[in-house]
C-alpha atoms as a PDB file:
ATOM      1  CA  MET A   1       5.192 -27.831   3.300  1.00  0.00           C
ATOM      2  CA  GLN A   2       3.566 -30.313   5.685  1.00  0.00           C
ATOM      3  CA  ALA A   3       6.515 -30.790   7.845  1.00  0.00           C
ATOM      4  CA  ALA A   4       7.026 -26.996   7.998  1.00  0.00           C
ATOM      5  CA  PHE A   5       3.386 -26.529   8.951  1.00  0.00           C
ATOM      6  CA  GLU A   6       3.693 -29.102  11.634  1.00  0.00           C
ATOM      7  CA  GLU A   7       6.802 -27.433  13.164  1.00  0.00           C
ATOM      8  CA  SER A   8       4.852 -24.261  13.158  1.00  0.00           C
ATOM      9  CA  ILE A   9       1.992 -25.865  15.041  1.00  0.00           C
ATOM     10  CA  LEU A  10       4.261 -27.382  17.525  1.00  0.00           C
ATOM     11  CA  GLU A  11       5.939 -24.034  18.156  1.00  0.00           C
ATOM     12  CA  ALA A  12       2.623 -22.408  18.694  1.00  0.00           C
ATOM     13  CA  THR A  13       1.749 -24.863  21.427  1.00  0.00           C
ATOM     14  CA  THR A  14       4.870 -24.580  23.399  1.00  0.00           C
ATOM     15  CA  THR A  15       5.789 -21.862  25.861  1.00  0.00           C
ATOM     16  CA  THR A  16       9.483 -21.664  24.521  1.00  0.00           C
ATOM     17  CA  THR A  17       8.410 -20.399  21.279  1.00  0.00           C
ATOM     18  CA  ALA A  18       9.806 -16.830  20.282  1.00  0.00           C
ATOM     19  CA  THR A  19       7.966 -15.315  17.429  1.00  0.00           C
ATOM     20  CA  ALA A  20       9.713 -13.614  14.441  1.00  0.00           C
ATOM     21  CA  THR A  21       8.524 -10.182  13.220  1.00  0.00           C
ATOM     22  CA  GLU A  22       6.013  -7.639  14.409  1.00  0.00           C
ATOM     23  CA  GLY A  23       3.532 -10.363  14.880  1.00  0.00           C
ATOM     24  CA  GLY A  24       5.929 -13.007  13.443  1.00  0.00           C
ATOM     25  CA  ALA A  25       9.528 -12.106  12.764  1.00  0.00           C
ATOM     26  CA  ASP A  26      10.026  -9.916  15.748  1.00  0.00           C
ATOM     27  CA  ASP A  27      10.374  -6.379  14.794  1.00  0.00           C
ATOM     28  CA  GLY A  28      12.537  -6.447  17.766  1.00  0.00           C
ATOM     29  CA  TRP A  29      14.708  -8.902  15.955  1.00  0.00           C
ATOM     30  CA  THR A  30      17.125  -6.056  16.324  1.00  0.00           C
ATOM     31  CA  SER A  31      15.569  -2.704  16.816  1.00  0.00           C
ATOM     32  CA  PRO A  32      12.496  -0.800  15.814  1.00  0.00           C
ATOM     33  CA  SER A  33      14.038   1.361  13.155  1.00  0.00           C
ATOM     34  CA  ALA A  34      16.506   0.652  10.232  1.00  0.00           C
ATOM     35  CA  GLU A  35      18.865   3.196  11.821  1.00  0.00           C
ATOM     36  CA  SER A  36      18.825   1.535  15.267  1.00  0.00           C
ATOM     37  CA  ARG A  37      19.271  -1.817  13.604  1.00  0.00           C
ATOM     38  CA  ARG A  38      22.187  -0.594  11.601  1.00  0.00           C
ATOM     39  CA  ARG A  39      23.751   0.941  14.779  1.00  0.00           C
ATOM     40  CA  GLN A  40      23.332  -2.386  16.706  1.00  0.00           C
ATOM     41  CA  LEU A  41      24.621  -4.339  13.841  1.00  0.00           C
ATOM     42  CA  LEU A  42      27.937  -2.204  13.833  1.00  0.00           C
ATOM     43  CA  GLU A  43      28.347  -1.719  17.511  1.00  0.00           C
ATOM     44  CA  SER A  44      27.379  -5.141  18.992  1.00  0.00           C
ATOM     45  CA  HIS A  45      30.322  -7.092  20.348  1.00  0.00           C
ATOM     46  CA  ARG A  46      29.128 -10.303  18.563  1.00  0.00           C
ATOM     47  CA  TYR A  47      27.011 -10.801  15.487  1.00  0.00           C
ATOM     48  CA  ASP A  48      25.385 -14.294  14.822  1.00  0.00           C
ATOM     49  CA  ASP A  49      23.934 -14.261  11.250  1.00  0.00           C
ATOM     50  CA  SER A  50      22.209 -17.629  11.448  1.00  0.00           C
ATOM     51  CA  TRP A  51      18.577 -17.388  10.637  1.00  0.00           C
ATOM     52  CA  LYS A  52      17.700 -19.294  13.958  1.00  0.00           C
ATOM     53  CA  THR A  53      19.110 -16.374  15.852  1.00  0.00           C
ATOM     54  CA  ARG A  54      18.031 -13.463  13.648  1.00  0.00           C
ATOM     55  CA  TRP A  55      14.503 -14.659  13.429  1.00  0.00           C
ATOM     56  CA  LYS A  56      14.672 -15.749  17.274  1.00  0.00           C
ATOM     57  CA  GLN A  57      13.633 -19.302  16.644  1.00  0.00           C
ATOM     58  CA  ARG A  58      13.986 -22.324  18.845  1.00  0.00           C
ATOM     59  CA  PRO A  59      17.489 -23.984  18.749  1.00  0.00           C
ATOM     60  CA  GLY A  60      15.920 -27.035  17.293  1.00  0.00           C
ATOM     61  CA  ALA A  61      13.976 -25.346  14.614  1.00  0.00           C
ATOM     62  CA  GLN A  62      14.514 -27.104  11.159  1.00  0.00           C
ATOM     63  CA  TYR A  63      12.418 -24.853   8.779  1.00  0.00           C
ATOM     64  CA  HIS A  64      13.017 -21.413   7.864  1.00  0.00           C
ATOM     65  CA  PRO A  65      10.302 -18.915   9.291  1.00  0.00           C
ATOM     66  CA  LEU A  66       9.130 -17.821   5.797  1.00  0.00           C
ATOM     67  CA  LEU A  67       8.476 -21.411   4.768  1.00  0.00           C
ATOM     68  CA  LYS A  68       6.445 -21.740   7.943  1.00  0.00           C
ATOM     69  CA  LEU A  69       4.508 -18.652   7.311  1.00  0.00           C
ATOM     70  CA  ILE A  70       3.597 -19.607   3.784  1.00  0.00           C
ATOM     71  CA  ALA A  71       2.691 -23.173   4.990  1.00  0.00           C
ATOM     72  CA  GLN A  72       0.213 -21.586   7.522  1.00  0.00           C
ATOM     73  CA  ILE A  73      -1.279 -19.442   4.732  1.00  0.00           C
ATOM     74  CA  VAL A  74      -1.734 -22.419   2.435  1.00  0.00           C
ATOM     75  CA  PHE A  75      -3.404 -24.343   5.333  1.00  0.00           C
ATOM     76  CA  GLY A  76      -5.787 -21.419   5.866  1.00  0.00           C
ATOM     77  CA  LEU A  77      -6.532 -21.204   2.191  1.00  0.00           C
ATOM     78  CA  HIS A  78      -7.118 -24.994   2.019  1.00  0.00           C
ATOM     79  CA  LEU A  79      -9.633 -24.798   4.861  1.00  0.00           C
ATOM     80  CA  LEU A  80     -11.528 -22.079   2.895  1.00  0.00           C
ATOM     81  CA  GLN A  81     -11.285 -24.032  -0.406  1.00  0.00           C
ATOM     82  CA  GLN A  82     -12.581 -27.267   1.209  1.00  0.00           C
ATOM     83  CA  GLU A  83     -15.156 -25.306   3.103  1.00  0.00           C
ATOM     84  CA  GLN A  84     -14.078 -26.926   6.312  1.00  0.00           C
ATOM     85  CA  ALA A  85     -13.365 -23.915   8.382  1.00  0.00           C
ATOM     86  CA  LYS A  86     -15.391 -23.527  11.769  1.00  0.00           C
ATOM     87  CA  SER A  87     -15.384 -19.853  11.207  1.00  0.00           C
ATOM     88  CA  ASN A  88     -14.407 -18.326   7.746  1.00  0.00           C
ATOM     89  CA  GLU A  89     -13.905 -14.835   9.415  1.00  0.00           C
ATOM     90  CA  GLU A  90     -11.425 -16.312  11.884  1.00  0.00           C
ATOM     91  CA  VAL A  91      -9.557 -18.019   9.181  1.00  0.00           C
ATOM     92  CA  VAL A  92      -9.358 -14.685   7.097  1.00  0.00           C
ATOM     93  CA  ARG A  93      -8.166 -12.816  10.083  1.00  0.00           C
ATOM     94  CA  ILE A  94      -5.413 -15.227  10.741  1.00  0.00           C
ATOM     95  CA  LEU A  95      -4.419 -15.232   6.984  1.00  0.00           C
ATOM     96  CA  GLN A  96      -4.248 -11.326   7.200  1.00  0.00           C
ATOM     97  CA  THR A  97      -1.989 -11.558  10.277  1.00  0.00           C
ATOM     98  CA  HIS A  98       0.283 -13.963   8.165  1.00  0.00           C
ATOM     99  CA  VAL A  99       0.331 -11.533   5.204  1.00  0.00           C
ATOM    100  CA  ASN A 100       1.220  -8.632   7.495  1.00  0.00           C
ATOM    101  CA  GLU A 101       4.217 -10.711   8.736  1.00  0.00           C
ATOM    102  CA  VAL A 102       5.511 -11.314   5.230  1.00  0.00           C
ATOM    103  CA  ASP A 103       5.016  -7.587   4.345  1.00  0.00           C
ATOM    104  CA  SER A 104       6.809  -6.606   7.574  1.00  0.00           C
ATOM    105  CA  PHE A 105       9.809  -8.915   6.588  1.00  0.00           C
ATOM    106  CA  LEU A 106       9.893  -7.263   3.186  1.00  0.00           C
ATOM    107  CA  GLU A 107       9.655  -3.678   4.279  1.00  0.00           C
ATOM    108  CA  ARG A 108      12.240  -4.128   7.034  1.00  0.00           C
ATOM    109  CA  THR A 109      14.836  -5.848   4.612  1.00  0.00           C
ATOM    110  CA  SER A 110      14.279  -3.005   2.074  1.00  0.00           C
ATOM    111  CA  ASP A 111      14.711  -0.379   4.835  1.00  0.00           C
ATOM    112  CA  ASP A 112      17.991  -2.238   6.031  1.00  0.00           C
ATOM    113  CA  PHE A 113      19.364  -2.442   2.567  1.00  0.00           C
ATOM    114  CA  ASP A 114      18.773   1.461   1.975  1.00  0.00           C
ATOM    115  CA  MET A 115      20.348   2.321   5.261  1.00  0.00           C
ATOM    116  CA  ALA A 116      23.387   0.208   4.500  1.00  0.00           C
ATOM    117  CA  ILE A 117      23.737   1.584   0.886  1.00  0.00           C
ATOM    118  CA  THR A 118      23.445   5.139   2.215  1.00  0.00           C
ATOM    119  CA  ASP A 119      26.118   4.491   4.889  1.00  0.00           C
ATOM    120  CA  ILE A 120      28.497   2.929   2.769  1.00  0.00           C
ATOM    121  CA  GLU A 121      28.211   5.402  -0.147  1.00  0.00           C
ATOM    122  CA  GLU A 122      28.744   8.214   2.360  1.00  0.00           C
ATOM    123  CA  ARG A 123      32.061   6.631   3.481  1.00  0.00           C
ATOM    124  CA  ILE A 124      33.119   6.103  -0.093  1.00  0.00           C
ATOM    125  CA  ARG A 125      32.572   9.827  -0.748  1.00  0.00           C
ATOM    126  CA  HIS A 126      34.562  10.991   2.249  1.00  0.00           C
ATOM    127  CA  LEU A 127      37.423   8.561   1.274  1.00  0.00           C
ATOM    128  CA  LYS A 128      37.514   9.533  -2.388  1.00  0.00           C
ATOM    129  CA  LEU A 129      38.264  13.195  -1.515  1.00  0.00           C
ATOM    130  CA  PRO A 130      41.880  12.511  -0.430  1.00  0.00           C
ATOM    131  CA  MET A 131      42.344  10.084  -3.402  1.00  0.00           C
ATOM    132  CA  GLN A 132      41.343  12.937  -5.643  1.00  0.00           C
ATOM    133  CA  HIS A 133      44.175  14.986  -4.255  1.00  0.00           C
ATOM    134  CA  LEU A 134      47.100  12.456  -4.255  1.00  0.00           C
ATOM    135  CA  GLU A 135      50.043  14.673  -4.044  1.00  0.00           C
ATOM    136  CA  VAL A 136      48.697  16.386  -0.830  1.00  0.00           C
ATOM    137  CA  PHE A 137      47.471  13.059   0.504  1.00  0.00           C
ATOM    138  CA  ASP A 138      50.982  11.411  -0.112  1.00  0.00           C
ATOM    139  CA  ASN A 139      52.867  14.347   1.610  1.00  0.00           C
ATOM    140  CA  MET A 140      50.394  13.887   4.550  1.00  0.00           C
ATOM    141  CA  LEU A 141      51.355  10.255   4.700  1.00  0.00           C
ATOM    142  CA  ASP A 142      54.922  11.236   5.481  1.00  0.00           C
ATOM    143  CA  ASP A 143      53.728  11.942   9.098  1.00  0.00           C
ATOM    144  CA  LYS A 144      53.869   8.715  11.069  1.00  0.00           C
ATOM    145  CA  GLY A 145      50.993   9.812  13.356  1.00  0.00           C
ATOM    146  CA  PHE A 146      48.747  10.432  10.386  1.00  0.00           C
ATOM    147  CA  ARG A 147      49.634   6.948   8.938  1.00  0.00           C
ATOM    148  CA  THR A 148      48.730   5.269  12.215  1.00  0.00           C
ATOM    149  CA  GLN A 149      45.531   7.217  12.458  1.00  0.00           C
ATOM    150  CA  LEU A 150      44.543   6.278   8.841  1.00  0.00           C
ATOM    151  CA  LEU A 151      45.356   2.483   9.390  1.00  0.00           C
ATOM    152  CA  ASP A 152      43.344   2.460  12.639  1.00  0.00           C
ATOM    153  CA  GLY A 153      40.551   4.038  10.702  1.00  0.00           C
ATOM    154  CA  ASN A 154      40.801   1.420   7.896  1.00  0.00           C
ATOM    155  CA  GLU A 155      40.633  -1.385  10.459  1.00  0.00           C
ATOM    156  CA  LYS A 156      37.210  -0.002  11.636  1.00  0.00           C
ATOM    157  CA  ILE A 157      35.993   0.314   8.125  1.00  0.00           C
ATOM    158  CA  GLU A 158      37.076  -3.327   7.422  1.00  0.00           C
ATOM    159  CA  ARG A 159      34.981  -4.228  10.389  1.00  0.00           C
ATOM    160  CA  ILE A 160      32.105  -2.327   9.140  1.00  0.00           C
ATOM    161  CA  ILE A 161      32.586  -4.034   5.675  1.00  0.00           C
ATOM    162  CA  ASP A 162      32.678  -7.586   7.165  1.00  0.00           C
ATOM    163  CA  ARG A 163      29.554  -7.009   9.354  1.00  0.00           C
ATOM    164  CA  THR A 164      27.540  -5.430   6.545  1.00  0.00           C
ATOM    165  CA  ALA A 165      28.438  -8.179   4.280  1.00  0.00           C
ATOM    166  CA  LYS A 166      27.387 -10.883   6.670  1.00  0.00           C
ATOM    167  CA  ALA A 167      23.979  -9.155   7.235  1.00  0.00           C
ATOM    168  CA  MET A 168      23.630  -8.602   3.500  1.00  0.00           C
ATOM    169  CA  ASN A 169      24.245 -12.353   2.855  1.00  0.00           C
ATOM    170  CA  ALA A 170      21.928 -13.429   5.531  1.00  0.00           C
ATOM    171  CA  ALA A 171      19.269 -11.186   4.115  1.00  0.00           C
ATOM    172  CA  LEU A 172      19.811 -12.517   0.530  1.00  0.00           C
ATOM    173  CA  MET A 173      19.463 -16.013   1.851  1.00  0.00           C
ATOM    174  CA  ASP A 174      16.076 -14.972   3.411  1.00  0.00           C
ATOM    175  CA  ILE A 175      15.109 -13.509   0.210  1.00  0.00           C
ATOM    176  CA  GLN A 176      16.010 -16.618  -1.726  1.00  0.00           C
ATOM    177  CA  ARG A 177      13.904 -18.591   0.648  1.00  0.00           C
ATOM    178  CA  GLY A 178      11.057 -16.175   0.166  1.00  0.00           C
ATOM    179  CA  LEU A 179      11.175 -16.500  -3.576  1.00  0.00           C
ATOM    180  CA  HIS A 180      11.094 -20.208  -3.362  1.00  0.00           C
ATOM    181  CA  THR A 181       8.223 -20.374  -0.806  1.00  0.00           C
ATOM    182  CA  THR A 182       6.266 -17.630  -2.684  1.00  0.00           C
ATOM    183  CA  GLN A 183       6.541 -19.805  -5.863  1.00  0.00           C
ATOM    184  CA  GLU A 184       5.140 -22.765  -3.782  1.00  0.00           C
ATOM    185  CA  LEU A 185       2.171 -20.496  -2.823  1.00  0.00           C
ATOM    186  CA  GLY A 186       1.704 -19.649  -6.649  1.00  0.00           C
ATOM    187  CA  LYS A 187       1.661 -23.280  -7.420  1.00  0.00           C
ATOM    188  CA  TYR A 188      -0.957 -23.978  -4.743  1.00  0.00           C
ATOM    189  CA  LEU A 189      -3.183 -21.114  -5.946  1.00  0.00           C
ATOM    190  CA  ASP A 190      -2.900 -22.510  -9.509  1.00  0.00           C
ATOM    191  CA  SER A 191      -4.002 -25.919  -8.371  1.00  0.00           C
ATOM    192  CA  VAL A 192      -7.199 -24.728  -6.704  1.00  0.00           C
ATOM    193  CA  LYS A 193      -8.163 -22.042  -9.019  1.00  0.00           C
ATOM    194  CA  ASP A 194     -10.905 -24.092 -10.683  1.00  0.00           C
ATOM    195  CA  GLN A 195     -12.092 -25.609  -7.376  1.00  0.00           C
ATOM    196  CA  TRP A 196     -12.355 -22.397  -5.369  1.00  0.00           C
ATOM    197  CA  PRO A 197     -15.942 -21.782  -3.915  1.00  0.00           C
ATOM    198  CA  THR A 198     -17.932 -19.435  -6.083  1.00  0.00           C
ATOM    199  CA  HIS A 199     -21.043 -18.992  -3.887  1.00  0.00           C
ATOM    200  CA  ASP A 200     -19.489 -16.631  -1.311  1.00  0.00           C
ATOM    201  CA  LYS A 201     -18.194 -13.380  -2.616  1.00  0.00           C
ATOM    202  CA  ALA A 202     -15.993 -12.804   0.455  1.00  0.00           C
ATOM    203  CA  ILE A 203     -14.295 -16.171  -0.072  1.00  0.00           C
ATOM    204  CA  ILE A 204     -13.856 -15.281  -3.722  1.00  0.00           C
ATOM    205  CA  ASN A 205     -12.151 -12.061  -2.674  1.00  0.00           C
ATOM    206  CA  VAL A 206      -9.904 -13.896  -0.470  1.00  0.00           C
ATOM    207  CA  TYR A 207      -8.501 -15.866  -3.401  1.00  0.00           C
ATOM    208  CA  VAL A 208      -8.215 -12.663  -5.463  1.00  0.00           C
ATOM    209  CA  ALA A 209      -6.372 -10.931  -2.712  1.00  0.00           C
ATOM    210  CA  MET A 210      -3.900 -13.709  -1.990  1.00  0.00           C
ATOM    211  CA  ARG A 211      -3.093 -13.928  -5.848  1.00  0.00           C
ATOM    212  CA  GLY A 212      -2.304 -10.350  -5.661  1.00  0.00           C
ATOM    213  CA  ASN A 213      -0.207 -10.753  -2.538  1.00  0.00           C
ATOM    214  CA  GLU A 214       1.756 -13.702  -4.199  1.00  0.00           C
ATOM    215  CA  GLN A 215       2.433 -11.709  -7.342  1.00  0.00           C
ATOM    216  CA  GLY A 216       3.381  -8.649  -5.424  1.00  0.00           C
ATOM    217  CA  TRP A 217       5.748 -10.587  -3.117  1.00  0.00           C
ATOM    218  CA  MET A 218       7.391 -12.120  -6.065  1.00  0.00           C
ATOM    219  CA  GLN A 219       8.080  -8.587  -7.639  1.00  0.00           C
ATOM    220  CA  TYR A 220       9.254  -7.146  -4.343  1.00  0.00           C
ATOM    221  CA  LEU A 221      11.591 -10.071  -3.547  1.00  0.00           C
ATOM    222  CA  LYS A 222      13.334  -9.752  -6.915  1.00  0.00           C
ATOM    223  CA  ALA A 223      13.581  -5.889  -6.369  1.00  0.00           C
ATOM    224  CA  LEU A 224      15.288  -6.795  -3.101  1.00  0.00           C
ATOM    225  CA  GLN A 225      17.743  -9.101  -4.704  1.00  0.00           C
ATOM    226  CA  LEU A 226      18.881  -6.296  -6.983  1.00  0.00           C
ATOM    227  CA  LYS A 227      19.142  -3.989  -4.009  1.00  0.00           C
ATOM    228  CA  GLY A 228      21.209  -6.458  -2.167  1.00  0.00           C
ATOM    229  CA  ASN A 229      23.442  -6.764  -5.169  1.00  0.00           C
ATOM    230  CA  ASN A 230      23.943  -3.237  -5.289  1.00  0.00           C
ATOM    231  CA  LEU A 231      24.954  -3.167  -1.655  1.00  0.00           C
ATOM    232  CA  GLY A 232      27.504  -5.826  -2.466  1.00  0.00           C
ATOM    233  CA  HIS A 233      28.971  -3.637  -5.297  1.00  0.00           C
ATOM    234  CA  VAL A 234      29.453  -0.618  -3.088  1.00  0.00           C
ATOM    235  CA  LEU A 235      31.059  -2.785  -0.333  1.00  0.00           C
ATOM    236  CA  VAL A 236      33.530  -3.947  -2.975  1.00  0.00           C
ATOM    237  CA  GLN A 237      34.119  -0.235  -3.924  1.00  0.00           C
ATOM    238  CA  LEU A 238      34.918   0.665  -0.298  1.00  0.00           C
ATOM    239  CA  GLY A 239      37.141  -2.217   0.268  1.00  0.00           C
ATOM    240  CA  THR A 240      39.164  -1.411  -2.874  1.00  0.00           C
ATOM    241  CA  LEU A 241      39.463   2.156  -1.701  1.00  0.00           C
ATOM    242  CA  ILE A 242      40.841   1.502   1.691  1.00  0.00           C
ATOM    243  CA  GLY A 243      43.124  -1.125   0.095  1.00  0.00           C
ATOM    244  CA  GLU A 244      44.615   1.555  -2.177  1.00  0.00           C
ATOM    245  CA  MET A 245      45.089   3.951   0.883  1.00  0.00           C
ATOM    246  CA  ALA A 246      46.776   1.107   2.829  1.00  0.00           C
ATOM    247  CA  LYS A 247      49.196   0.566   0.029  1.00  0.00           C
ATOM    248  CA  MET A 248      50.040   4.169  -0.193  1.00  0.00           C
ATOM    249  CA  ALA A 249      50.589   4.351   3.541  1.00  0.00           C
ATOM    250  CA  ALA A 250      52.972   1.362   3.355  1.00  0.00           C
ATOM    251  CA  VAL A 251      54.976   2.939   0.631  1.00  0.00           C
ATOM    252  CA  ALA A 252      55.247   6.098   2.664  1.00  0.00           C
ATOM    253  CA  SER A 253      56.277   4.166   5.723  1.00  0.00           C
ATOM    254  CA  ARG A 254      59.129   2.492   3.851  1.00  0.00           C
ATOM    255  CA  ARG A 255      60.567   5.781   2.517  1.00  0.00           C
ATOM    256  CA  ASN A 256      60.489   7.274   5.933  1.00  0.00           C
END
């Protein structure tokens, strides 16, 4: 984590640094609410799914923001464990800021997954209706204007699927990085458990709280993985559905 920490320090001392969240990963990474972020994702002319862009990092950044956050947390804990901090209170305040940044990422990712799943499931429900009345739908496809309208709509849905899948995969990559870095935090906490200062209750509480954060983050990240996989499943369902409708439209076009 040393190199990631050094990069985070370099960023903090340059005026070109753009932070990433509400205090770290920029809550304006897209927009303040999940609904606004969803709308921006689907309506923007261009979508860049690279983590450097999504987290508003410097072009030359080499380390993922979550790795840099955890590296800063470990450094702060190291100062407390070695009793080298000029001000324990200041270190604890900074640690809490970093904890809030990680929490913000987790909550935002969960909200974005929920919003996307709700959106895609609603589209599936709407499109399933004509497929449940195939005879009526097939007759409607005899109308060229209706077929054209249907295929135009399918193109829009394909774009929605593509954008959603890109955002989903990007988020899953962040989650995987989060799992790895949180595991590293856990290893560090294990390594200093027996050497942690015991004469200051406030410092003892920091260790206990950080252990709780580490365990809670691991559980949350694993739950986010499942939620992301669920989103992937409904995206496949939607893609299959519009594919079936396109095939029916093609058959109707040939017979007319």
